[in-house]
């Protein structure tokens, strides 16, 4: 199941890449790119969970910290 989830996330990301090639509006491309980055962030965290040694327990602090870090990277630098 975990492998299928990872593959599905990768498939969605790939579909978004294909769609970006056919979109001429820069705003739409930016939105697709941001969505793709968020999907890849979730896929990265999922991969970290899936490849951890013990799948019967999750260190929530580490998991959430990693998720927040990945999502922050997907959003980009803070302009404010």
PDB file of N, CA and C in Angstrom:
ATOM      1  N   UNK A   1       0.823  -1.185   0.000  1.00  0.00           N
ATOM      2  CA  UNK A   1       0.000   0.000   0.000  1.00  0.00           C
ATOM      3  C   UNK A   1       0.871   1.254   0.000  1.00  0.00           C
ATOM      4  N   UNK A   2       1.883   1.275   0.844  1.00  0.00           N
ATOM      5  CA  UNK A   2       2.744   2.459   0.927  1.00  0.00           C
ATOM      6  C   UNK A   2       3.429   2.756  -0.396  1.00  0.00           C
ATOM      7  N   UNK A   3       3.842   1.710  -1.083  1.00  0.00           N
ATOM      8  CA  UNK A   3       4.486   1.892  -2.382  1.00  0.00           C
ATOM      9  C   UNK A   3       3.497   2.481  -3.388  1.00  0.00           C
ATOM     10  N   UNK A   4       2.262   2.030  -3.334  1.00  0.00           N
ATOM     11  CA  UNK A   4       1.231   2.543  -4.245  1.00  0.00           C
ATOM     12  C   UNK A   4       0.934   4.014  -3.981  1.00  0.00           C
ATOM     13  N   UNK A   5       0.926   4.392  -2.711  1.00  0.00           N
ATOM     14  CA  UNK A   5       0.704   5.801  -2.376  1.00  0.00           C
ATOM     15  C   UNK A   5       1.822   6.647  -2.965  1.00  0.00           C
ATOM     16  N   UNK A   6       3.058   6.199  -2.781  1.00  0.00           N
ATOM     17  CA  UNK A   6       4.207   6.919  -3.347  1.00  0.00           C
ATOM     18  C   UNK A   6       4.113   7.024  -4.859  1.00  0.00           C
ATOM     19  N   UNK A   7       3.749   5.937  -5.504  1.00  0.00           N
ATOM     20  CA  UNK A   7       3.604   5.949  -6.967  1.00  0.00           C
ATOM     21  C   UNK A   7       2.481   6.885  -7.405  1.00  0.00           C
ATOM     22  N   UNK A   8       1.398   6.896  -6.663  1.00  0.00           N
ATOM     23  CA  UNK A   8       0.270   7.765  -7.011  1.00  0.00           C
ATOM     24  C   UNK A   8       0.655   9.237  -6.883  1.00  0.00           C
ATOM     25  N   UNK A   9       1.372   9.578  -5.843  1.00  0.00           N
ATOM     26  CA  UNK A   9       1.826  10.966  -5.673  1.00  0.00           C
ATOM     27  C   UNK A   9       2.761  11.358  -6.815  1.00  0.00           C
ATOM     28  N   UNK A  10       3.636  10.456  -7.201  1.00  0.00           N
ATOM     29  CA  UNK A  10       4.546  10.735  -8.314  1.00  0.00           C
ATOM     30  C   UNK A  10       3.774  10.885  -9.620  1.00  0.00           C
ATOM     31  N   UNK A  11       2.758  10.076  -9.806  1.00  0.00           N
ATOM     32  CA  UNK A  11       1.938  10.155 -11.013  1.00  0.00           C
ATOM     33  C   UNK A  11       1.226  11.512 -11.105  1.00  0.00           C
ATOM     34  N   UNK A  12       0.655  11.961 -10.000  1.00  0.00           N
ATOM     35  CA  UNK A  12      -0.012  13.267  -9.987  1.00  0.00           C
ATOM     36  C   UNK A  12       0.989  14.374 -10.306  1.00  0.00           C
ATOM     37  N   UNK A  13       2.170  14.306  -9.724  1.00  0.00           N
ATOM     38  CA  UNK A  13       3.211  15.293 -10.000  1.00  0.00           C
ATOM     39  C   UNK A  13       3.596  15.296 -11.476  1.00  0.00           C
ATOM     40  N   UNK A  14       3.700  14.130 -12.061  1.00  0.00           N
ATOM     41  CA  UNK A  14       4.039  14.020 -13.482  1.00  0.00           C
ATOM     42  C   UNK A  14       2.930  14.580 -14.371  1.00  0.00           C
ATOM     43  N   UNK A  15       1.685  14.330 -14.005  1.00  0.00           N
ATOM     44  CA  UNK A  15       0.566  14.901 -14.761  1.00  0.00           C
ATOM     45  C   UNK A  15       0.603  16.429 -14.719  1.00  0.00           C
ATOM     46  N   UNK A  16       0.967  16.957 -13.572  1.00  0.00           N
ATOM     47  CA  UNK A  16       1.051  18.416 -13.455  1.00  0.00           C
ATOM     48  C   UNK A  16       2.163  18.967 -14.343  1.00  0.00           C
ATOM     49  N   UNK A  17       3.275  18.254 -14.428  1.00  0.00           N
ATOM     50  CA  UNK A  17       4.366  18.673 -15.318  1.00  0.00           C
ATOM     51  C   UNK A  17       3.907  18.682 -16.768  1.00  0.00           C
ATOM     52  N   UNK A  18       3.190  17.648 -17.159  1.00  0.00           N
ATOM     53  CA  UNK A  18       2.659  17.593 -18.524  1.00  0.00           C
ATOM     54  C   UNK A  18       1.699  18.741 -18.793  1.00  0.00           C
ATOM     55  N   UNK A  19       0.841  19.026 -17.820  1.00  0.00           N
ATOM     56  CA  UNK A  19      -0.125  20.113 -17.992  1.00  0.00           C
ATOM     57  C   UNK A  19       0.584  21.458 -18.126  1.00  0.00           C
ATOM     58  N   UNK A  20       1.647  21.665 -17.360  1.00  0.00           N
ATOM     59  CA  UNK A  20       2.385  22.935 -17.419  1.00  0.00           C
ATOM     60  C   UNK A  20       2.944  23.202 -18.815  1.00  0.00           C
ATOM     61  N   UNK A  21       3.272  22.154 -19.533  1.00  0.00           N
ATOM     62  CA  UNK A  21       3.816  22.315 -20.884  1.00  0.00           C
ATOM     63  C   UNK A  21       2.797  22.886 -21.861  1.00  0.00           C
ATOM     64  N   UNK A  22       1.509  22.701 -21.558  1.00  0.00           N
ATOM     65  CA  UNK A  22       0.454  23.106 -22.478  1.00  0.00           C
ATOM     66  C   UNK A  22      -0.302  24.353 -22.014  1.00  0.00           C
ATOM     67  N   UNK A  23       0.165  24.960 -20.941  1.00  0.00           N
ATOM     68  CA  UNK A  23      -0.488  26.153 -20.411  1.00  0.00           C
ATOM     69  C   UNK A  23       0.356  27.366 -20.767  1.00  0.00           C
ATOM     70  N   UNK A  24      -0.286  28.379 -21.332  1.00  0.00           N
ATOM     71  CA  UNK A  24       0.464  29.580 -21.710  1.00  0.00           C
ATOM     72  C   UNK A  24       0.369  30.683 -20.664  1.00  0.00           C
ATOM     73  N   UNK A  25      -0.673  30.660 -19.848  1.00  0.00           N
ATOM     74  CA  UNK A  25      -0.850  31.682 -18.820  1.00  0.00           C
ATOM     75  C   UNK A  25       0.164  31.491 -17.695  1.00  0.00           C
ATOM     76  N   UNK A  26       0.960  32.524 -17.424  1.00  0.00           N
ATOM     77  CA  UNK A  26       2.017  32.412 -16.415  1.00  0.00           C
ATOM     78  C   UNK A  26       1.439  32.189 -15.016  1.00  0.00           C
ATOM     79  N   UNK A  27       0.318  32.822 -14.705  1.00  0.00           N
ATOM     80  CA  UNK A  27      -0.313  32.621 -13.402  1.00  0.00           C
ATOM     81  C   UNK A  27      -0.739  31.182 -13.196  1.00  0.00           C
ATOM     82  N   UNK A  28      -1.280  30.576 -14.248  1.00  0.00           N
ATOM     83  CA  UNK A  28      -1.695  29.171 -14.171  1.00  0.00           C
ATOM     84  C   UNK A  28      -0.479  28.261 -14.012  1.00  0.00           C
ATOM     85  N   UNK A  29       0.596  28.582 -14.737  1.00  0.00           N
ATOM     86  CA  UNK A  29       1.826  27.782 -14.603  1.00  0.00           C
ATOM     87  C   UNK A  29       2.375  27.867 -13.189  1.00  0.00           C
ATOM     88  N   UNK A  30       2.372  29.078 -12.639  1.00  0.00           N
ATOM     89  CA  UNK A  30       2.874  29.262 -11.268  1.00  0.00           C
ATOM     90  C   UNK A  30       2.035  28.477 -10.267  1.00  0.00           C
ATOM     91  N   UNK A  31       0.718  28.503 -10.451  1.00  0.00           N
ATOM     92  CA  UNK A  31      -0.174  27.760  -9.554  1.00  0.00           C
ATOM     93  C   UNK A  31       0.076  26.260  -9.656  1.00  0.00           C
ATOM     94  N   UNK A  32       0.239  25.766 -10.867  1.00  0.00           N
ATOM     95  CA  UNK A  32       0.541  24.340 -11.052  1.00  0.00           C
ATOM     96  C   UNK A  32       1.883  23.978 -10.430  1.00  0.00           C
ATOM     97  N   UNK A  33       2.868  24.836 -10.618  1.00  0.00           N
ATOM     98  CA  UNK A  33       4.201  24.587 -10.063  1.00  0.00           C
ATOM     99  C   UNK A  33       4.159  24.550  -8.530  1.00  0.00           C
ATOM    100  N   UNK A  34       3.417  25.485  -7.924  1.00  0.00           N
ATOM    101  CA  UNK A  34       3.293  25.503  -6.463  1.00  0.00           C
ATOM    102  C   UNK A  34       2.573  24.252  -5.959  1.00  0.00           C
ATOM    103  N   UNK A  35       1.516  23.863  -6.642  1.00  0.00           N
ATOM    104  CA  UNK A  35       0.785  22.649  -6.256  1.00  0.00           C
ATOM    105  C   UNK A  35       1.671  21.421  -6.395  1.00  0.00           C
ATOM    106  N   UNK A  36       2.437  21.382  -7.460  1.00  0.00           N
ATOM    107  CA  UNK A  36       3.345  20.264  -7.676  1.00  0.00           C
ATOM    108  C   UNK A  36       4.392  20.201  -6.567  1.00  0.00           C
ATOM    109  N   UNK A  37       4.907  21.337  -6.160  1.00  0.00           N
ATOM    110  CA  UNK A  37       5.902  21.367  -5.087  1.00  0.00           C
ATOM    111  C   UNK A  37       5.308  20.854  -3.780  1.00  0.00           C
ATOM    112  N   UNK A  38       4.062  21.182  -3.517  1.00  0.00           N
ATOM    113  CA  UNK A  38       3.416  20.700  -2.293  1.00  0.00           C
ATOM    114  C   UNK A  38       3.184  19.187  -2.344  1.00  0.00           C
ATOM    115  N   UNK A  39       2.782  18.695  -3.495  1.00  0.00           N
ATOM    116  CA  UNK A  39       2.596  17.251  -3.655  1.00  0.00           C
ATOM    117  C   UNK A  39       3.929  16.528  -3.463  1.00  0.00           C
ATOM    118  N   UNK A  40       4.988  17.074  -4.020  1.00  0.00           N
ATOM    119  CA  UNK A  40       6.308  16.468  -3.861  1.00  0.00           C
ATOM    120  C   UNK A  40       6.781  16.533  -2.419  1.00  0.00           C
ATOM    121  N   UNK A  41       6.407  17.582  -1.691  1.00  0.00           N
ATOM    122  CA  UNK A  41       6.752  17.674  -0.274  1.00  0.00           C
ATOM    123  C   UNK A  41       6.064  16.563   0.514  1.00  0.00           C
ATOM    124  N   UNK A  42       4.795  16.348   0.237  1.00  0.00           N
ATOM    125  CA  UNK A  42       4.061  15.268   0.912  1.00  0.00           C
ATOM    126  C   UNK A  42       4.660  13.918   0.534  1.00  0.00           C
ATOM    127  N   UNK A  43       5.025  13.746  -0.733  1.00  0.00           N
ATOM    128  CA  UNK A  43       5.641  12.491  -1.182  1.00  0.00           C
ATOM    129  C   UNK A  43       6.970  12.255  -0.467  1.00  0.00           C
ATOM    130  N   UNK A  44       7.734  13.312  -0.266  1.00  0.00           N
ATOM    131  CA  UNK A  44       9.026  13.179   0.416  1.00  0.00           C
ATOM    132  C   UNK A  44       8.829  12.740   1.866  1.00  0.00           C
ATOM    133  N   UNK A  45       7.883  13.359   2.552  1.00  0.00           N
ATOM    134  CA  UNK A  45       7.608  12.982   3.936  1.00  0.00           C
ATOM    135  C   UNK A  45       7.062  11.560   3.989  1.00  0.00           C
ATOM    136  N   UNK A  46       6.196  11.208   3.058  1.00  0.00           N
ATOM    137  CA  UNK A  46       5.664   9.842   3.007  1.00  0.00           C
ATOM    138  C   UNK A  46       6.807   8.843   2.821  1.00  0.00           C
ATOM    139  N   UNK A  47       7.739   9.162   1.940  1.00  0.00           N
ATOM    140  CA  UNK A  47       8.887   8.294   1.696  1.00  0.00           C
ATOM    141  C   UNK A  47       9.718   8.125   2.963  1.00  0.00           C
ATOM    142  N   UNK A  48       9.891   9.221   3.702  1.00  0.00           N
ATOM    143  CA  UNK A  48      10.650   9.140   4.957  1.00  0.00           C
ATOM    144  C   UNK A  48       9.949   8.231   5.957  1.00  0.00           C
ATOM    145  N   UNK A  49       8.618   8.309   6.034  1.00  0.00           N
ATOM    146  CA  UNK A  49       7.877   7.430   6.932  1.00  0.00           C
ATOM    147  C   UNK A  49       7.964   5.978   6.480  1.00  0.00           C
ATOM    148  N   UNK A  50       7.796   5.775   5.189  1.00  0.00           N
ATOM    149  CA  UNK A  50       7.762   4.432   4.630  1.00  0.00           C
ATOM    150  C   UNK A  50       9.112   3.721   4.784  1.00  0.00           C
ATOM    151  N   UNK A  51      10.195   4.458   4.700  1.00  0.00           N
ATOM    152  CA  UNK A  51      11.520   3.843   4.778  1.00  0.00           C
ATOM    153  C   UNK A  51      12.094   3.868   6.191  1.00  0.00           C
ATOM    154  N   UNK A  52      11.317   4.356   7.169  1.00  0.00           N
ATOM    155  CA  UNK A  52      11.803   4.340   8.547  1.00  0.00           C
ATOM    156  C   UNK A  52      11.864   2.898   9.033  1.00  0.00           C
ATOM    157  N   UNK A  53      12.689   2.660  10.010  1.00  0.00           N
ATOM    158  CA  UNK A  53      12.892   1.306  10.498  1.00  0.00           C
ATOM    159  C   UNK A  53      11.675   0.684  11.152  1.00  0.00           C
ATOM    160  N   UNK A  54      10.919   1.463  11.903  1.00  0.00           N
ATOM    161  CA  UNK A  54       9.783   0.934  12.653  1.00  0.00           C
ATOM    162  C   UNK A  54       8.507   1.611  12.195  1.00  0.00           C
ATOM    163  N   UNK A  55       7.694   0.883  11.447  1.00  0.00           N
ATOM    164  CA  UNK A  55       6.454   1.458  10.923  1.00  0.00           C
ATOM    165  C   UNK A  55       5.285   1.274  11.880  1.00  0.00           C
ATOM    166  N   UNK A  56       5.512   0.638  13.035  1.00  0.00           N
ATOM    167  CA  UNK A  56       4.430   0.447  13.994  1.00  0.00           C
ATOM    168  C   UNK A  56       4.245   1.673  14.879  1.00  0.00           C
ATOM    169  N   UNK A  57       5.266   2.548  14.899  1.00  0.00           N
ATOM    170  CA  UNK A  57       5.188   3.772  15.689  1.00  0.00           C
ATOM    171  C   UNK A  57       5.701   4.935  14.855  1.00  0.00           C
ATOM    172  N   UNK A  58       5.147   6.109  15.112  1.00  0.00           N
ATOM    173  CA  UNK A  58       5.579   7.312  14.414  1.00  0.00           C
ATOM    174  C   UNK A  58       5.943   8.362  15.452  1.00  0.00           C
ATOM    175  N   UNK A  59       7.136   8.906  15.345  1.00  0.00           N
ATOM    176  CA  UNK A  59       7.528  10.019  16.209  1.00  0.00           C
ATOM    177  C   UNK A  59       6.870  11.270  15.641  1.00  0.00           C
ATOM    178  N   UNK A  60       5.705  11.605  16.177  1.00  0.00           N
ATOM    179  CA  UNK A  60       4.896  12.683  15.602  1.00  0.00           C
ATOM    180  C   UNK A  60       5.643  14.001  15.533  1.00  0.00           C
ATOM    181  N   UNK A  61       6.435  14.309  16.545  1.00  0.00           N
ATOM    182  CA  UNK A  61       7.174  15.571  16.528  1.00  0.00           C
ATOM    183  C   UNK A  61       8.096  15.619  15.308  1.00  0.00           C
ATOM    184  N   UNK A  62       8.857  14.554  15.090  1.00  0.00           N
ATOM    185  CA  UNK A  62       9.761  14.501  13.939  1.00  0.00           C
ATOM    186  C   UNK A  62       8.978  14.498  12.627  1.00  0.00           C
ATOM    187  N   UNK A  63       7.892  13.754  12.580  1.00  0.00           N
ATOM    188  CA  UNK A  63       7.075  13.684  11.376  1.00  0.00           C
ATOM    189  C   UNK A  63       6.513  15.062  11.014  1.00  0.00           C
ATOM    190  N   UNK A  64       5.904  15.717  11.996  1.00  0.00           N
ATOM    191  CA  UNK A  64       5.305  17.028  11.735  1.00  0.00           C
ATOM    192  C   UNK A  64       6.365  18.082  11.435  1.00  0.00           C
ATOM    193  N   UNK A  65       7.498  17.997  12.118  1.00  0.00           N
ATOM    194  CA  UNK A  65       8.595  18.920  11.843  1.00  0.00           C
ATOM    195  C   UNK A  65       9.089  18.747  10.408  1.00  0.00           C
ATOM    196  N   UNK A  66       9.250  17.520   9.976  1.00  0.00           N
ATOM    197  CA  UNK A  66       9.674  17.240   8.603  1.00  0.00           C
ATOM    198  C   UNK A  66       8.642  17.705   7.591  1.00  0.00           C
ATOM    199  N   UNK A  67       7.363  17.474   7.899  1.00  0.00           N
ATOM    200  CA  UNK A  67       6.291  17.910   7.005  1.00  0.00           C
ATOM    201  C   UNK A  67       6.289  19.432   6.878  1.00  0.00           C
ATOM    202  N   UNK A  68       6.407  20.133   7.998  1.00  0.00           N
ATOM    203  CA  UNK A  68       6.423  21.602   7.969  1.00  0.00           C
ATOM    204  C   UNK A  68       7.644  22.114   7.199  1.00  0.00           C
ATOM    205  N   UNK A  69       8.773  21.463   7.383  1.00  0.00           N
ATOM    206  CA  UNK A  69       9.989  21.867   6.664  1.00  0.00           C
ATOM    207  C   UNK A  69       9.806  21.700   5.162  1.00  0.00           C
ATOM    208  N   UNK A  70       9.271  20.553   4.761  1.00  0.00           N
ATOM    209  CA  UNK A  70       9.057  20.296   3.333  1.00  0.00           C
ATOM    210  C   UNK A  70       8.035  21.255   2.742  1.00  0.00           C
ATOM    211  N   UNK A  71       6.959  21.500   3.462  1.00  0.00           N
ATOM    212  CA  UNK A  71       5.950  22.429   2.944  1.00  0.00           C
ATOM    213  C   UNK A  71       6.493  23.852   2.876  1.00  0.00           C
ATOM    214  N   UNK A  72       7.314  24.226   3.856  1.00  0.00           N
ATOM    215  CA  UNK A  72       7.933  25.568   3.818  1.00  0.00           C
ATOM    216  C   UNK A  72       8.814  25.714   2.586  1.00  0.00           C
ATOM    217  N   UNK A  73       9.567  24.683   2.270  1.00  0.00           N
ATOM    218  CA  UNK A  73      10.418  24.711   1.086  1.00  0.00           C
ATOM    219  C   UNK A  73       9.570  24.824  -0.182  1.00  0.00           C
ATOM    220  N   UNK A  74       8.402  24.172  -0.169  1.00  0.00           N
ATOM    221  CA  UNK A  74       7.566  24.198  -1.373  1.00  0.00           C
ATOM    222  C   UNK A  74       6.935  25.560  -1.589  1.00  0.00           C
ATOM    223  N   UNK A  75       6.749  26.308  -0.526  1.00  0.00           N
ATOM    224  CA  UNK A  75       6.147  27.635  -0.628  1.00  0.00           C
ATOM    225  C   UNK A  75       7.179  28.651  -1.097  1.00  0.00           C
ATOM    226  N   UNK A  76       8.417  28.456  -0.711  1.00  0.00           N
ATOM    227  CA  UNK A  76       9.477  29.361  -1.139  1.00  0.00           C
ATOM    228  C   UNK A  76       9.873  30.310  -0.019  1.00  0.00           C
ATOM    229  N   UNK A  77      10.830  31.181  -0.313  1.00  0.00           N
ATOM    230  CA  UNK A  77      11.315  32.087   0.717  1.00  0.00           C
ATOM    231  C   UNK A  77      10.235  33.090   1.132  1.00  0.00           C
ATOM    232  N   UNK A  78      10.327  33.501   2.378  1.00  0.00           N
ATOM    233  CA  UNK A  78       9.378  34.470   2.930  1.00  0.00           C
ATOM    234  C   UNK A  78       9.711  35.853   2.419  1.00  0.00           C
ATOM    235  N   UNK A  79       8.750  36.479   1.740  1.00  0.00           N
ATOM    236  CA  UNK A  79       8.969  37.813   1.192  1.00  0.00           C
ATOM    237  C   UNK A  79       8.685  38.901   2.202  1.00  0.00           C
ATOM    238  N   UNK A  80       8.097  38.559   3.336  1.00  0.00           N
ATOM    239  CA  UNK A  80       7.663  39.535   4.302  1.00  0.00           C
ATOM    240  C   UNK A  80       8.631  39.876   5.343  1.00  0.00           C
TER     241      UNK A  80
END
